[in-house]
Amino acid sequence: MTNNGFLLVATSETHVRAANMAAKSIQDHMPDAQIDIFCDLPKLLDPKLFSQINVMDNPHRRSKVDCLSLSRFDRTIYIDSDV
């Protein structure tokens, strides 16, 4: 079976908070979905919404490009946190 999941990347308080809302929306429609995130402010996340939380120490303008290749899923759907 293929390992499928969603990936979000969020930096800054605004985007990390938006990632909570995006993950909640995914979970509302697909309760069994795996949702991972890379972020710089994990304390702002609702841990019940995410399967895996990865902390970015030095986020930069193109962090999402770097994080896409780090997905643990065989098939990844990337979602912008401000979806």
PDB file of N, CA and C in Angstrom:
ATOM      1  N   MET A   1       0.838  -1.184   0.000  1.00  0.00           N
ATOM      2  CA  MET A   1       0.000   0.000   0.000  1.00  0.00           C
ATOM      3  C   MET A   1       0.880   1.243   0.000  1.00  0.00           C
ATOM      4  N   THR A   2       0.497   2.220  -0.758  1.00  0.00           N
ATOM      5  CA  THR A   2       1.243   3.467  -0.830  1.00  0.00           C
ATOM      6  C   THR A   2       0.953   4.322   0.391  1.00  0.00           C
ATOM      7  N   ASN A   3       1.971   4.955   0.895  1.00  0.00           N
ATOM      8  CA  ASN A   3       1.872   5.850   2.032  1.00  0.00           C
ATOM      9  C   ASN A   3       1.549   7.253   1.507  1.00  0.00           C
ATOM     10  N   ASN A   4       0.308   7.708   1.692  1.00  0.00           N
ATOM     11  CA  ASN A   4      -0.144   9.000   1.194  1.00  0.00           C
ATOM     12  C   ASN A   4      -0.308   9.986   2.336  1.00  0.00           C
ATOM     13  N   GLY A   5      -0.103  11.268   2.046  1.00  0.00           N
ATOM     14  CA  GLY A   5      -0.336  12.261   3.085  1.00  0.00           C
ATOM     15  C   GLY A   5      -0.249  13.675   2.569  1.00  0.00           C
ATOM     16  N   PHE A   6      -0.650  14.567   3.442  1.00  0.00           N
ATOM     17  CA  PHE A   6      -0.609  16.001   3.172  1.00  0.00           C
ATOM     18  C   PHE A   6       0.601  16.610   3.862  1.00  0.00           C
ATOM     19  N   LEU A   7       1.160  17.638   3.238  1.00  0.00           N
ATOM     20  CA  LEU A   7       2.300  18.337   3.805  1.00  0.00           C
ATOM     21  C   LEU A   7       2.035  19.835   3.771  1.00  0.00           C
ATOM     22  N   LEU A   8       2.260  20.477   4.912  1.00  0.00           N
ATOM     23  CA  LEU A   8       2.182  21.928   5.008  1.00  0.00           C
ATOM     24  C   LEU A   8       3.530  22.443   5.473  1.00  0.00           C
ATOM     25  N   VAL A   9       3.885  23.629   5.039  1.00  0.00           N
ATOM     26  CA  VAL A   9       5.096  24.311   5.486  1.00  0.00           C
ATOM     27  C   VAL A   9       4.673  25.710   5.892  1.00  0.00           C
ATOM     28  N   ALA A  10       4.992  26.089   7.118  1.00  0.00           N
ATOM     29  CA  ALA A  10       4.535  27.393   7.608  1.00  0.00           C
ATOM     30  C   ALA A  10       5.626  28.076   8.429  1.00  0.00           C
ATOM     31  N   THR A  11       5.871  29.315   8.098  1.00  0.00           N
ATOM     32  CA  THR A  11       6.800  30.132   8.886  1.00  0.00           C
ATOM     33  C   THR A  11       6.093  31.430   9.233  1.00  0.00           C
ATOM     34  N   SER A  12       6.330  31.910  10.396  1.00  0.00           N
ATOM     35  CA  SER A  12       5.754  33.125  10.987  1.00  0.00           C
ATOM     36  C   SER A  12       4.440  32.785  11.676  1.00  0.00           C
ATOM     37  N   GLU A  13       4.102  33.582  12.646  1.00  0.00           N
ATOM     38  CA  GLU A  13       2.893  33.338  13.433  1.00  0.00           C
ATOM     39  C   GLU A  13       1.644  33.290  12.557  1.00  0.00           C
ATOM     40  N   THR A  14       1.538  34.190  11.616  1.00  0.00           N
ATOM     41  CA  THR A  14       0.354  34.243  10.752  1.00  0.00           C
ATOM     42  C   THR A  14       0.154  32.936   9.999  1.00  0.00           C
ATOM     43  N   HIS A  15       1.223  32.421   9.397  1.00  0.00           N
ATOM     44  CA  HIS A  15       1.100  31.213   8.585  1.00  0.00           C
ATOM     45  C   HIS A  15       0.970  29.946   9.421  1.00  0.00           C
ATOM     46  N   VAL A  16       1.579  29.922  10.581  1.00  0.00           N
ATOM     47  CA  VAL A  16       1.440  28.755  11.447  1.00  0.00           C
ATOM     48  C   VAL A  16       0.007  28.660  11.960  1.00  0.00           C
ATOM     49  N   ARG A  17      -0.570  29.788  12.319  1.00  0.00           N
ATOM     50  CA  ARG A  17      -1.979  29.777  12.755  1.00  0.00           C
ATOM     51  C   ARG A  17      -2.900  29.367  11.597  1.00  0.00           C
ATOM     52  N   ALA A  18      -2.597  29.843  10.404  1.00  0.00           N
ATOM     53  CA  ALA A  18      -3.382  29.453   9.228  1.00  0.00           C
ATOM     54  C   ALA A  18      -3.244  27.955   8.962  1.00  0.00           C
ATOM     55  N   ALA A  19      -2.076  27.393   9.241  1.00  0.00           N
ATOM     56  CA  ALA A  19      -1.862  25.957   9.041  1.00  0.00           C
ATOM     57  C   ALA A  19      -2.775  25.132   9.939  1.00  0.00           C
ATOM     58  N   ASN A  20      -3.031  25.604  11.156  1.00  0.00           N
ATOM     59  CA  ASN A  20      -3.994  24.922  12.029  1.00  0.00           C
ATOM     60  C   ASN A  20      -5.364  24.863  11.367  1.00  0.00           C
ATOM     61  N   MET A  21      -5.789  25.965  10.788  1.00  0.00           N
ATOM     62  CA  MET A  21      -7.106  26.000  10.140  1.00  0.00           C
ATOM     63  C   MET A  21      -7.140  25.104   8.907  1.00  0.00           C
ATOM     64  N   ALA A  22      -6.060  25.094   8.140  1.00  0.00           N
ATOM     65  CA  ALA A  22      -5.993  24.241   6.950  1.00  0.00           C
ATOM     66  C   ALA A  22      -6.040  22.767   7.355  1.00  0.00           C
ATOM     67  N   ALA A  23      -5.274  22.401   8.369  1.00  0.00           N
ATOM     68  CA  ALA A  23      -5.262  21.010   8.826  1.00  0.00           C
ATOM     69  C   ALA A  23      -6.623  20.602   9.381  1.00  0.00           C
ATOM     70  N   LYS A  24      -7.280  21.497  10.079  1.00  0.00           N
ATOM     71  CA  LYS A  24      -8.619  21.214  10.605  1.00  0.00           C
ATOM     72  C   LYS A  24      -9.592  20.955   9.461  1.00  0.00           C
ATOM     73  N   SER A  25      -9.503  21.733   8.409  1.00  0.00           N
ATOM     74  CA  SER A  25     -10.372  21.547   7.251  1.00  0.00           C
ATOM     75  C   SER A  25     -10.115  20.195   6.580  1.00  0.00           C
ATOM     76  N   ILE A  26      -8.849  19.842   6.429  1.00  0.00           N
ATOM     77  CA  ILE A  26      -8.513  18.531   5.852  1.00  0.00           C
ATOM     78  C   ILE A  26      -9.097  17.430   6.729  1.00  0.00           C
ATOM     79  N   GLN A  27      -8.887  17.550   8.026  1.00  0.00           N
ATOM     80  CA  GLN A  27      -9.338  16.527   8.965  1.00  0.00           C
ATOM     81  C   GLN A  27     -10.872  16.407   8.976  1.00  0.00           C
ATOM     82  N   ASP A  28     -11.565  17.535   8.820  1.00  0.00           N
ATOM     83  CA  ASP A  28     -13.033  17.513   8.784  1.00  0.00           C
ATOM     84  C   ASP A  28     -13.551  16.698   7.603  1.00  0.00           C
ATOM     85  N   HIS A  29     -12.852  16.761   6.487  1.00  0.00           N
ATOM     86  CA  HIS A  29     -13.294  16.076   5.271  1.00  0.00           C
ATOM     87  C   HIS A  29     -12.661  14.698   5.089  1.00  0.00           C
ATOM     88  N   MET A  30     -11.500  14.496   5.685  1.00  0.00           N
ATOM     89  CA  MET A  30     -10.779  13.228   5.564  1.00  0.00           C
ATOM     90  C   MET A  30     -10.204  12.872   6.932  1.00  0.00           C
ATOM     91  N   PRO A  31     -11.023  12.365   7.833  1.00  0.00           N
ATOM     92  CA  PRO A  31     -10.582  12.139   9.220  1.00  0.00           C
ATOM     93  C   PRO A  31      -9.372  11.217   9.382  1.00  0.00           C
ATOM     94  N   ASP A  32      -9.137  10.347   8.424  1.00  0.00           N
ATOM     95  CA  ASP A  32      -8.009   9.414   8.541  1.00  0.00           C
ATOM     96  C   ASP A  32      -6.746   9.897   7.832  1.00  0.00           C
ATOM     97  N   ALA A  33      -6.790  11.097   7.282  1.00  0.00           N
ATOM     98  CA  ALA A  33      -5.638  11.618   6.534  1.00  0.00           C
ATOM     99  C   ALA A  33      -4.449  11.855   7.463  1.00  0.00           C
ATOM    100  N   GLN A  34      -3.278  11.595   6.938  1.00  0.00           N
ATOM    101  CA  GLN A  34      -2.038  11.927   7.635  1.00  0.00           C
ATOM    102  C   GLN A  34      -1.628  13.329   7.193  1.00  0.00           C
ATOM    103  N   ILE A  35      -1.348  14.183   8.160  1.00  0.00           N
ATOM    104  CA  ILE A  35      -0.989  15.574   7.874  1.00  0.00           C
ATOM    105  C   ILE A  35       0.297  15.887   8.614  1.00  0.00           C
ATOM    106  N   ASP A  36       1.346  16.187   7.866  1.00  0.00           N
ATOM    107  CA  ASP A  36       2.628  16.579   8.448  1.00  0.00           C
ATOM    108  C   ASP A  36       2.859  18.063   8.209  1.00  0.00           C
ATOM    109  N   ILE A  37       3.661  18.659   9.069  1.00  0.00           N
ATOM    110  CA  ILE A  37       4.000  20.073   8.899  1.00  0.00           C
ATOM    111  C   ILE A  37       5.463  20.307   9.238  1.00  0.00           C
ATOM    112  N   PHE A  38       6.061  21.236   8.516  1.00  0.00           N
ATOM    113  CA  PHE A  38       7.359  21.815   8.843  1.00  0.00           C
ATOM    114  C   PHE A  38       7.067  23.255   9.232  1.00  0.00           C
ATOM    115  N   CYS A  39       7.537  23.678  10.418  1.00  0.00           N
ATOM    116  CA  CYS A  39       7.260  25.048  10.845  1.00  0.00           C
ATOM    117  C   CYS A  39       8.344  25.539  11.795  1.00  0.00           C
ATOM    118  N   ASP A  40       8.316  26.843  12.018  1.00  0.00           N
ATOM    119  CA  ASP A  40       9.303  27.448  12.909  1.00  0.00           C
ATOM    120  C   ASP A  40       8.741  27.778  14.290  1.00  0.00           C
ATOM    121  N   LEU A  41       7.420  27.681  14.470  1.00  0.00           N
ATOM    122  CA  LEU A  41       6.793  28.014  15.751  1.00  0.00           C
ATOM    123  C   LEU A  41       5.850  26.884  16.188  1.00  0.00           C
ATOM    124  N   PRO A  42       6.393  25.726  16.530  1.00  0.00           N
ATOM    125  CA  PRO A  42       5.542  24.571  16.845  1.00  0.00           C
ATOM    126  C   PRO A  42       4.633  24.791  18.055  1.00  0.00           C
ATOM    127  N   LYS A  43       4.994  25.683  18.938  1.00  0.00           N
ATOM    128  CA  LYS A  43       4.160  25.919  20.120  1.00  0.00           C
ATOM    129  C   LYS A  43       2.793  26.504  19.756  1.00  0.00           C
ATOM    130  N   LEU A  44       2.661  27.047  18.547  1.00  0.00           N
ATOM    131  CA  LEU A  44       1.390  27.617  18.101  1.00  0.00           C
ATOM    132  C   LEU A  44       0.485  26.586  17.430  1.00  0.00           C
ATOM    133  N   LEU A  45       0.987  25.372  17.238  1.00  0.00           N
ATOM    134  CA  LEU A  45       0.224  24.340  16.546  1.00  0.00           C
ATOM    135  C   LEU A  45      -0.679  23.573  17.506  1.00  0.00           C
ATOM    136  N   ASP A  46      -1.782  23.081  16.975  1.00  0.00           N
ATOM    137  CA  ASP A  46      -2.633  22.147  17.703  1.00  0.00           C
ATOM    138  C   ASP A  46      -2.116  20.746  17.364  1.00  0.00           C
ATOM    139  N   PRO A  47      -1.426  20.089  18.270  1.00  0.00           N
ATOM    140  CA  PRO A  47      -0.797  18.804  17.953  1.00  0.00           C
ATOM    141  C   PRO A  47      -1.789  17.703  17.578  1.00  0.00           C
ATOM    142  N   LYS A  48      -3.056  17.866  17.947  1.00  0.00           N
ATOM    143  CA  LYS A  48      -4.068  16.859  17.591  1.00  0.00           C
ATOM    144  C   LYS A  48      -4.348  16.865  16.090  1.00  0.00           C
ATOM    145  N   LEU A  49      -3.979  17.932  15.395  1.00  0.00           N
ATOM    146  CA  LEU A  49      -4.281  18.050  13.971  1.00  0.00           C
ATOM    147  C   LEU A  49      -3.199  17.449  13.073  1.00  0.00           C
ATOM    148  N   PHE A  50      -2.027  17.212  13.625  1.00  0.00           N
ATOM    149  CA  PHE A  50      -0.886  16.820  12.800  1.00  0.00           C
ATOM    150  C   PHE A  50      -0.358  15.443  13.186  1.00  0.00           C
ATOM    151  N   SER A  51      -0.018  14.672  12.167  1.00  0.00           N
ATOM    152  CA  SER A  51       0.579  13.353  12.389  1.00  0.00           C
ATOM    153  C   SER A  51       2.034  13.482  12.806  1.00  0.00           C
ATOM    154  N   GLN A  52       2.698  14.460  12.217  1.00  0.00           N
ATOM    155  CA  GLN A  52       4.115  14.682  12.513  1.00  0.00           C
ATOM    156  C   GLN A  52       4.412  16.170  12.412  1.00  0.00           C
ATOM    157  N   ILE A  53       5.117  16.691  13.413  1.00  0.00           N
ATOM    158  CA  ILE A  53       5.524  18.097  13.427  1.00  0.00           C
ATOM    159  C   ILE A  53       7.043  18.143  13.337  1.00  0.00           C
ATOM    160  N   ASN A  54       7.534  18.827  12.307  1.00  0.00           N
ATOM    161  CA  ASN A  54       8.969  18.970  12.082  1.00  0.00           C
ATOM    162  C   ASN A  54       9.333  20.437  12.276  1.00  0.00           C
ATOM    163  N   VAL A  55      10.330  20.695  13.113  1.00  0.00           N
ATOM    164  CA  VAL A  55      10.715  22.062  13.420  1.00  0.00           C
ATOM    165  C   VAL A  55      11.822  22.519  12.476  1.00  0.00           C
ATOM    166  N   MET A  56      11.634  23.691  11.901  1.00  0.00           N
ATOM    167  CA  MET A  56      12.654  24.320  11.052  1.00  0.00           C
ATOM    168  C   MET A  56      13.398  25.334  11.906  1.00  0.00           C
ATOM    169  N   ASP A  57      14.705  25.184  11.992  1.00  0.00           N
ATOM    170  CA  ASP A  57      15.502  26.099  12.809  1.00  0.00           C
ATOM    171  C   ASP A  57      15.820  27.411  12.108  1.00  0.00           C
ATOM    172  N   ASN A  58      16.065  27.350  10.818  1.00  0.00           N
ATOM    173  CA  ASN A  58      16.462  28.546  10.077  1.00  0.00           C
ATOM    174  C   ASN A  58      15.605  28.719   8.823  1.00  0.00           C
ATOM    175  N   PRO A  59      14.329  29.056   9.010  1.00  0.00           N
ATOM    176  CA  PRO A  59      13.477  29.209   7.828  1.00  0.00           C
ATOM    177  C   PRO A  59      13.951  30.370   6.961  1.00  0.00           C
ATOM    178  N   HIS A  60      13.672  30.243   5.688  1.00  0.00           N
ATOM    179  CA  HIS A  60      14.027  31.303   4.750  1.00  0.00           C
ATOM    180  C   HIS A  60      12.931  31.412   3.704  1.00  0.00           C
ATOM    181  N   ARG A  61      13.089  32.289   2.790  1.00  0.00           N
ATOM    182  CA  ARG A  61      12.060  32.611   1.813  1.00  0.00           C
ATOM    183  C   ARG A  61      11.581  31.406   1.006  1.00  0.00           C
ATOM    184  N   ARG A  62      12.454  30.458   0.733  1.00  0.00           N
ATOM    185  CA  ARG A  62      12.108  29.294  -0.089  1.00  0.00           C
ATOM    186  C   ARG A  62      12.093  27.999   0.726  1.00  0.00           C
ATOM    187  N   SER A  63      11.752  28.072   1.984  1.00  0.00           N
ATOM    188  CA  SER A  63      11.754  26.890   2.851  1.00  0.00           C
ATOM    189  C   SER A  63      10.857  25.786   2.331  1.00  0.00           C
ATOM    190  N   LYS A  64       9.722  26.138   1.756  1.00  0.00           N
ATOM    191  CA  LYS A  64       8.822  25.078   1.302  1.00  0.00           C
ATOM    192  C   LYS A  64       9.447  24.233   0.205  1.00  0.00           C
ATOM    193  N   VAL A  65      10.268  24.833  -0.630  1.00  0.00           N
ATOM    194  CA  VAL A  65      10.944  24.070  -1.684  1.00  0.00           C
ATOM    195  C   VAL A  65      11.881  23.049  -1.051  1.00  0.00           C
ATOM    196  N   ASP A  66      12.592  23.452  -0.019  1.00  0.00           N
ATOM    197  CA  ASP A  66      13.501  22.534   0.677  1.00  0.00           C
ATOM    198  C   ASP A  66      12.742  21.405   1.362  1.00  0.00           C
ATOM    199  N   CYS A  67      11.608  21.720   1.949  1.00  0.00           N
ATOM    200  CA  CYS A  67      10.869  20.738   2.740  1.00  0.00           C
ATOM    201  C   CYS A  67      10.114  19.718   1.892  1.00  0.00           C
ATOM    202  N   LEU A  68       9.747  20.070   0.693  1.00  0.00           N
ATOM    203  CA  LEU A  68       9.005  19.122  -0.145  1.00  0.00           C
ATOM    204  C   LEU A  68       9.764  17.812  -0.321  1.00  0.00           C
ATOM    205  N   SER A  69      11.051  17.900  -0.504  1.00  0.00           N
ATOM    206  CA  SER A  69      11.846  16.682  -0.711  1.00  0.00           C
ATOM    207  C   SER A  69      12.027  15.877   0.582  1.00  0.00           C
ATOM    208  N   LEU A  70      11.657  16.455   1.714  1.00  0.00           N
ATOM    209  CA  LEU A  70      11.792  15.769   3.000  1.00  0.00           C
ATOM    210  C   LEU A  70      10.515  15.046   3.417  1.00  0.00           C
ATOM    211  N   SER A  71       9.496  15.085   2.568  1.00  0.00           N
ATOM    212  CA  SER A  71       8.247  14.412   2.888  1.00  0.00           C
ATOM    213  C   SER A  71       8.493  12.925   3.125  1.00  0.00           C
ATOM    214  N   ARG A  72       7.865  12.379   4.131  1.00  0.00           N
ATOM    215  CA  ARG A  72       8.001  10.954   4.441  1.00  0.00           C
ATOM    216  C   ARG A  72       7.028  10.100   3.640  1.00  0.00           C
ATOM    217  N   PHE A  73       6.146  10.750   2.882  1.00  0.00           N
ATOM    218  CA  PHE A  73       5.126  10.032   2.137  1.00  0.00           C
ATOM    219  C   PHE A  73       5.625   9.609   0.752  1.00  0.00           C
ATOM    220  N   ASP A  74       5.086   8.484   0.273  1.00  0.00           N
ATOM    221  CA  ASP A  74       5.362   8.065  -1.100  1.00  0.00           C
ATOM    222  C   ASP A  74       4.668   9.005  -2.076  1.00  0.00           C
ATOM    223  N   ARG A  75       3.463   9.417  -1.703  1.00  0.00           N
ATOM    224  CA  ARG A  75       2.688  10.365  -2.509  1.00  0.00           C
ATOM    225  C   ARG A  75       2.254  11.501  -1.591  1.00  0.00           C
ATOM    226  N   THR A  76       2.671  12.719  -1.922  1.00  0.00           N
ATOM    227  CA  THR A  76       2.451  13.887  -1.076  1.00  0.00           C
ATOM    228  C   THR A  76       1.569  14.900  -1.782  1.00  0.00           C
ATOM    229  N   ILE A  77       0.600  15.425  -1.045  1.00  0.00           N
ATOM    230  CA  ILE A  77      -0.152  16.583  -1.517  1.00  0.00           C
ATOM    231  C   ILE A  77       0.306  17.760  -0.670  1.00  0.00           C
ATOM    232  N   TYR A  78       0.940  18.731  -1.316  1.00  0.00           N
ATOM    233  CA  TYR A  78       1.380  19.930  -0.612  1.00  0.00           C
ATOM    234  C   TYR A  78       0.249  20.940  -0.603  1.00  0.00           C
ATOM    235  N   ILE A  79      -0.010  21.509   0.560  1.00  0.00           N
ATOM    236  CA  ILE A  79      -1.048  22.523   0.724  1.00  0.00           C
ATOM    237  C   ILE A  79      -0.402  23.768   1.342  1.00  0.00           C
ATOM    238  N   ASP A  80      -0.614  24.930   0.694  1.00  0.00           N
ATOM    239  CA  ASP A  80      -0.162  26.183   1.318  1.00  0.00           C
ATOM    240  C   ASP A  80      -0.977  26.408   2.585  1.00  0.00           C
ATOM    241  N   SER A  81      -0.338  26.895   3.614  1.00  0.00           N
ATOM    242  CA  SER A  81      -1.025  27.067   4.899  1.00  0.00           C
ATOM    243  C   SER A  81      -2.164  28.082   4.810  1.00  0.00           C
ATOM    244  N   ASP A  82      -2.091  28.991   3.863  1.00  0.00           N
ATOM    245  CA  ASP A  82      -3.138  30.015   3.750  1.00  0.00           C
ATOM    246  C   ASP A  82      -4.191  29.642   2.696  1.00  0.00           C
ATOM    247  N   VAL A  83      -4.352  28.325   2.508  1.00  0.00           N
ATOM    248  CA  VAL A  83      -5.328  27.845   1.533  1.00  0.00           C
ATOM    249  C   VAL A  83      -6.709  28.358   1.882  1.00  0.00           C
TER     250      VAL A  83
END
